[in-house]
Amino acid sequence: MFSGDPTGWTGEQNAGNPGDYMRVVTTYTYTFFTPFIGTFFPGGVSTTTAQATHRNEVVSFRKGDLKGRRKKPASTTKRA
């Protein structure tokens, strides 16, 4: 675990709110099948951990935007 992690955070699936920061942590453990290479790692196992932090977008919608494409304004040019 990384220092500063909140208690009980593992396994939580919450995308957060607009403007919130989110961290994704992935851990992969690889067991070497080749005995020679495995001797360079404790127990013949290598654990790799990667993490990324991003901020959720803050998106504000106007009333008409939620229904899909906005309608084009009616033409103001009069035809003769």
N, C-alpha and C. Protein backbone atom coordinates (compact mmCIF):
# COMPACT_ATOMS: atom_id res chain seq x y z
N MET A 1 0.83 -1.19 0.00
CA MET A 1 0.00 0.00 0.00
C MET A 1 0.87 1.25 0.00
N PHE A 2 0.32 2.31 -0.53
CA PHE A 2 1.02 3.58 -0.55
C PHE A 2 0.69 4.35 0.71
N SER A 3 1.63 5.14 1.17
CA SER A 3 1.36 5.94 2.36
C SER A 3 0.32 7.01 2.02
N GLY A 4 -0.53 7.31 2.96
CA GLY A 4 -1.53 8.33 2.75
C GLY A 4 -2.84 7.81 2.17
N ASP A 5 -2.96 6.49 1.98
CA ASP A 5 -4.21 5.94 1.47
C ASP A 5 -5.27 5.98 2.56
N PRO A 6 -6.52 6.34 2.21
CA PRO A 6 -7.59 6.32 3.21
C PRO A 6 -7.95 4.90 3.60
N THR A 7 -8.45 4.72 4.80
CA THR A 7 -8.83 3.40 5.29
C THR A 7 -9.99 2.85 4.47
N GLY A 8 -9.89 1.59 4.09
CA GLY A 8 -10.97 0.92 3.37
C GLY A 8 -11.13 1.33 1.92
N TRP A 9 -10.13 1.93 1.33
CA TRP A 9 -10.27 2.42 -0.04
C TRP A 9 -10.19 1.31 -1.07
N THR A 10 -9.54 0.19 -0.74
CA THR A 10 -9.37 -0.86 -1.74
C THR A 10 -10.72 -1.48 -2.10
N GLY A 11 -10.94 -1.70 -3.34
CA GLY A 11 -12.17 -2.32 -3.82
C GLY A 11 -13.32 -1.36 -3.98
N GLU A 12 -13.15 -0.11 -3.60
CA GLU A 12 -14.24 0.86 -3.74
C GLU A 12 -14.38 1.27 -5.19
N GLN A 13 -15.60 1.25 -5.69
CA GLN A 13 -15.86 1.65 -7.07
C GLN A 13 -16.72 2.90 -7.04
N ASN A 14 -16.07 4.04 -7.07
CA ASN A 14 -16.78 5.32 -7.01
C ASN A 14 -16.04 6.29 -7.92
N ALA A 15 -16.71 6.75 -8.95
CA ALA A 15 -16.08 7.67 -9.90
C ALA A 15 -15.96 9.09 -9.36
N GLY A 16 -16.59 9.38 -8.23
CA GLY A 16 -16.48 10.71 -7.65
C GLY A 16 -17.39 11.72 -8.31
N ASN A 17 -17.19 12.95 -7.93
CA ASN A 17 -18.00 14.06 -8.42
C ASN A 17 -17.19 14.92 -9.38
N PRO A 18 -17.84 15.83 -10.11
CA PRO A 18 -17.09 16.74 -10.98
C PRO A 18 -16.06 17.53 -10.18
N GLY A 19 -14.83 17.57 -10.67
CA GLY A 19 -13.76 18.30 -10.00
C GLY A 19 -12.99 17.48 -8.99
N ASP A 20 -13.48 16.29 -8.64
CA ASP A 20 -12.78 15.43 -7.68
C ASP A 20 -11.55 14.79 -8.34
N TYR A 21 -10.56 14.51 -7.53
CA TYR A 21 -9.39 13.78 -7.99
C TYR A 21 -9.61 12.30 -7.76
N MET A 22 -9.15 11.49 -8.71
CA MET A 22 -9.30 10.05 -8.61
C MET A 22 -7.94 9.39 -8.87
N ARG A 23 -7.62 8.40 -8.07
CA ARG A 23 -6.37 7.67 -8.29
C ARG A 23 -6.70 6.22 -8.59
N VAL A 24 -6.08 5.69 -9.62
CA VAL A 24 -6.25 4.29 -10.00
C VAL A 24 -4.91 3.60 -9.75
N VAL A 25 -4.94 2.50 -9.00
CA VAL A 25 -3.73 1.75 -8.69
C VAL A 25 -3.91 0.33 -9.20
N THR A 26 -2.92 -0.15 -9.94
CA THR A 26 -2.94 -1.51 -10.47
C THR A 26 -1.68 -2.23 -10.03
N THR A 27 -1.85 -3.46 -9.55
CA THR A 27 -0.72 -4.28 -9.12
C THR A 27 -0.75 -5.60 -9.86
N TYR A 28 0.40 -6.01 -10.38
CA TYR A 28 0.50 -7.28 -11.10
C TYR A 28 1.68 -8.07 -10.54
N THR A 29 1.44 -9.33 -10.24
CA THR A 29 2.51 -10.20 -9.73
C THR A 29 2.82 -11.25 -10.79
N TYR A 30 4.09 -11.34 -11.14
CA TYR A 30 4.53 -12.28 -12.17
C TYR A 30 5.48 -13.31 -11.55
N THR A 31 5.18 -14.59 -11.75
CA THR A 31 6.06 -15.66 -11.29
C THR A 31 6.87 -16.15 -12.49
N PHE A 32 8.18 -16.13 -12.36
CA PHE A 32 9.07 -16.54 -13.45
C PHE A 32 9.07 -18.06 -13.59
N PHE A 33 8.95 -18.51 -14.83
CA PHE A 33 9.00 -19.94 -15.11
C PHE A 33 10.44 -20.40 -15.36
N THR A 34 11.29 -19.47 -15.73
CA THR A 34 12.69 -19.78 -15.99
C THR A 34 13.47 -19.70 -14.67
N PRO A 35 13.99 -20.80 -14.19
CA PRO A 35 14.67 -20.79 -12.89
C PRO A 35 15.85 -19.82 -12.83
N PHE A 36 16.60 -19.69 -13.92
CA PHE A 36 17.78 -18.82 -13.90
C PHE A 36 17.38 -17.36 -13.65
N ILE A 37 16.39 -16.85 -14.37
CA ILE A 37 15.95 -15.47 -14.20
C ILE A 37 15.28 -15.29 -12.84
N GLY A 38 14.52 -16.28 -12.41
CA GLY A 38 13.83 -16.21 -11.14
C GLY A 38 14.76 -16.05 -9.94
N THR A 39 16.01 -16.48 -10.07
CA THR A 39 16.94 -16.35 -8.94
C THR A 39 17.30 -14.89 -8.66
N PHE A 40 17.06 -14.00 -9.60
CA PHE A 40 17.36 -12.58 -9.39
C PHE A 40 16.25 -11.85 -8.61
N PHE A 41 15.13 -12.53 -8.37
CA PHE A 41 14.01 -11.94 -7.67
C PHE A 41 13.67 -12.77 -6.44
N PRO A 42 13.32 -12.11 -5.33
CA PRO A 42 12.99 -12.86 -4.11
C PRO A 42 11.80 -13.80 -4.34
N GLY A 43 12.00 -15.08 -4.10
CA GLY A 43 10.95 -16.07 -4.29
C GLY A 43 10.61 -16.33 -5.75
N GLY A 44 11.41 -15.80 -6.68
CA GLY A 44 11.15 -15.98 -8.10
C GLY A 44 9.93 -15.21 -8.59
N VAL A 45 9.58 -14.16 -7.83
CA VAL A 45 8.37 -13.40 -8.14
C VAL A 45 8.72 -11.92 -8.28
N SER A 46 8.11 -11.26 -9.27
CA SER A 46 8.28 -9.82 -9.45
C SER A 46 6.90 -9.16 -9.37
N THR A 47 6.77 -8.17 -8.51
CA THR A 47 5.51 -7.44 -8.38
C THR A 47 5.69 -6.03 -8.92
N THR A 48 4.83 -5.66 -9.84
CA THR A 48 4.87 -4.33 -10.44
C THR A 48 3.59 -3.59 -10.07
N THR A 49 3.75 -2.34 -9.65
CA THR A 49 2.60 -1.51 -9.30
C THR A 49 2.67 -0.21 -10.09
N ALA A 50 1.54 0.18 -10.65
CA ALA A 50 1.45 1.45 -11.39
C ALA A 50 0.26 2.22 -10.84
N GLN A 51 0.38 3.54 -10.88
CA GLN A 51 -0.74 4.37 -10.43
C GLN A 51 -0.85 5.60 -11.30
N ALA A 52 -2.06 6.11 -11.39
CA ALA A 52 -2.32 7.33 -12.15
C ALA A 52 -3.37 8.14 -11.40
N THR A 53 -3.22 9.45 -11.42
CA THR A 53 -4.18 10.34 -10.78
C THR A 53 -4.74 11.27 -11.84
N HIS A 54 -6.04 11.46 -11.82
CA HIS A 54 -6.65 12.39 -12.76
C HIS A 54 -7.76 13.14 -12.06
N ARG A 55 -8.20 14.22 -12.67
CA ARG A 55 -9.28 15.04 -12.11
C ARG A 55 -10.50 14.91 -13.00
N ASN A 56 -11.65 14.64 -12.40
CA ASN A 56 -12.89 14.54 -13.16
C ASN A 56 -13.24 15.89 -13.77
N GLU A 57 -13.78 15.84 -14.97
CA GLU A 57 -14.17 17.07 -15.67
C GLU A 57 -15.34 17.74 -14.98
N VAL A 58 -15.33 19.04 -15.02
CA VAL A 58 -16.47 19.82 -14.57
C VAL A 58 -17.22 20.24 -15.82
N VAL A 59 -18.40 19.69 -15.99
CA VAL A 59 -19.19 19.96 -17.19
C VAL A 59 -20.50 20.60 -16.76
N SER A 60 -20.82 21.70 -17.38
CA SER A 60 -22.12 22.32 -17.09
C SER A 60 -22.94 22.29 -18.37
N PHE A 61 -24.17 21.90 -18.24
CA PHE A 61 -25.06 21.79 -19.39
C PHE A 61 -26.10 22.89 -19.33
N ARG A 62 -26.47 23.36 -20.50
CA ARG A 62 -27.63 24.25 -20.58
C ARG A 62 -28.86 23.38 -20.73
N LYS A 63 -30.00 23.91 -20.44
CA LYS A 63 -31.24 23.14 -20.43
C LYS A 63 -31.45 22.32 -21.71
N GLY A 64 -31.27 22.90 -22.86
CA GLY A 64 -31.52 22.20 -24.12
C GLY A 64 -30.45 21.19 -24.51
N ASP A 65 -29.25 21.28 -23.91
CA ASP A 65 -28.15 20.40 -24.30
C ASP A 65 -28.35 18.96 -23.89
N LEU A 66 -29.15 18.71 -22.87
CA LEU A 66 -29.31 17.36 -22.38
C LEU A 66 -30.15 16.48 -23.30
N LYS A 67 -30.92 17.09 -24.18
CA LYS A 67 -31.78 16.33 -25.08
C LYS A 67 -31.07 15.96 -26.38
N GLY A 68 -29.83 16.23 -26.49
CA GLY A 68 -29.10 15.93 -27.71
C GLY A 68 -28.66 17.21 -28.38
N ARG A 69 -28.58 17.17 -29.69
CA ARG A 69 -28.14 18.35 -30.44
C ARG A 69 -29.12 19.49 -30.28
N ARG A 70 -28.57 20.66 -30.15
CA ARG A 70 -29.43 21.84 -30.08
C ARG A 70 -29.94 22.17 -31.48
N LYS A 71 -31.14 22.69 -31.53
CA LYS A 71 -31.72 23.08 -32.82
C LYS A 71 -31.06 24.35 -33.31
N LYS A 72 -30.93 24.43 -34.62
CA LYS A 72 -30.37 25.65 -35.22
C LYS A 72 -31.42 26.75 -35.11
N PRO A 73 -30.99 27.99 -34.88
CA PRO A 73 -31.98 29.08 -34.80
C PRO A 73 -32.67 29.26 -36.14
N ALA A 74 -33.93 29.65 -36.07
CA ALA A 74 -34.71 29.87 -37.29
C ALA A 74 -34.10 31.02 -38.08
N SER A 75 -34.18 30.92 -39.38
CA SER A 75 -33.61 31.97 -40.23
C SER A 75 -34.42 33.25 -40.08
N THR A 76 -33.73 34.37 -40.01
CA THR A 76 -34.40 35.66 -39.87
C THR A 76 -34.55 36.37 -41.22
N THR A 77 -34.08 35.75 -42.29
CA THR A 77 -34.17 36.35 -43.61
C THR A 77 -35.55 36.06 -44.20
N LYS A 78 -36.22 37.12 -44.68
CA LYS A 78 -37.54 36.96 -45.27
C LYS A 78 -37.39 36.72 -46.77
N ARG A 79 -38.20 35.83 -47.28
CA ARG A 79 -38.19 35.55 -48.71
C ARG A 79 -39.25 36.40 -49.39
N ALA A 80 -38.94 36.84 -50.58
CA ALA A 80 -39.90 37.68 -51.32
C ALA A 80 -40.90 36.86 -52.08
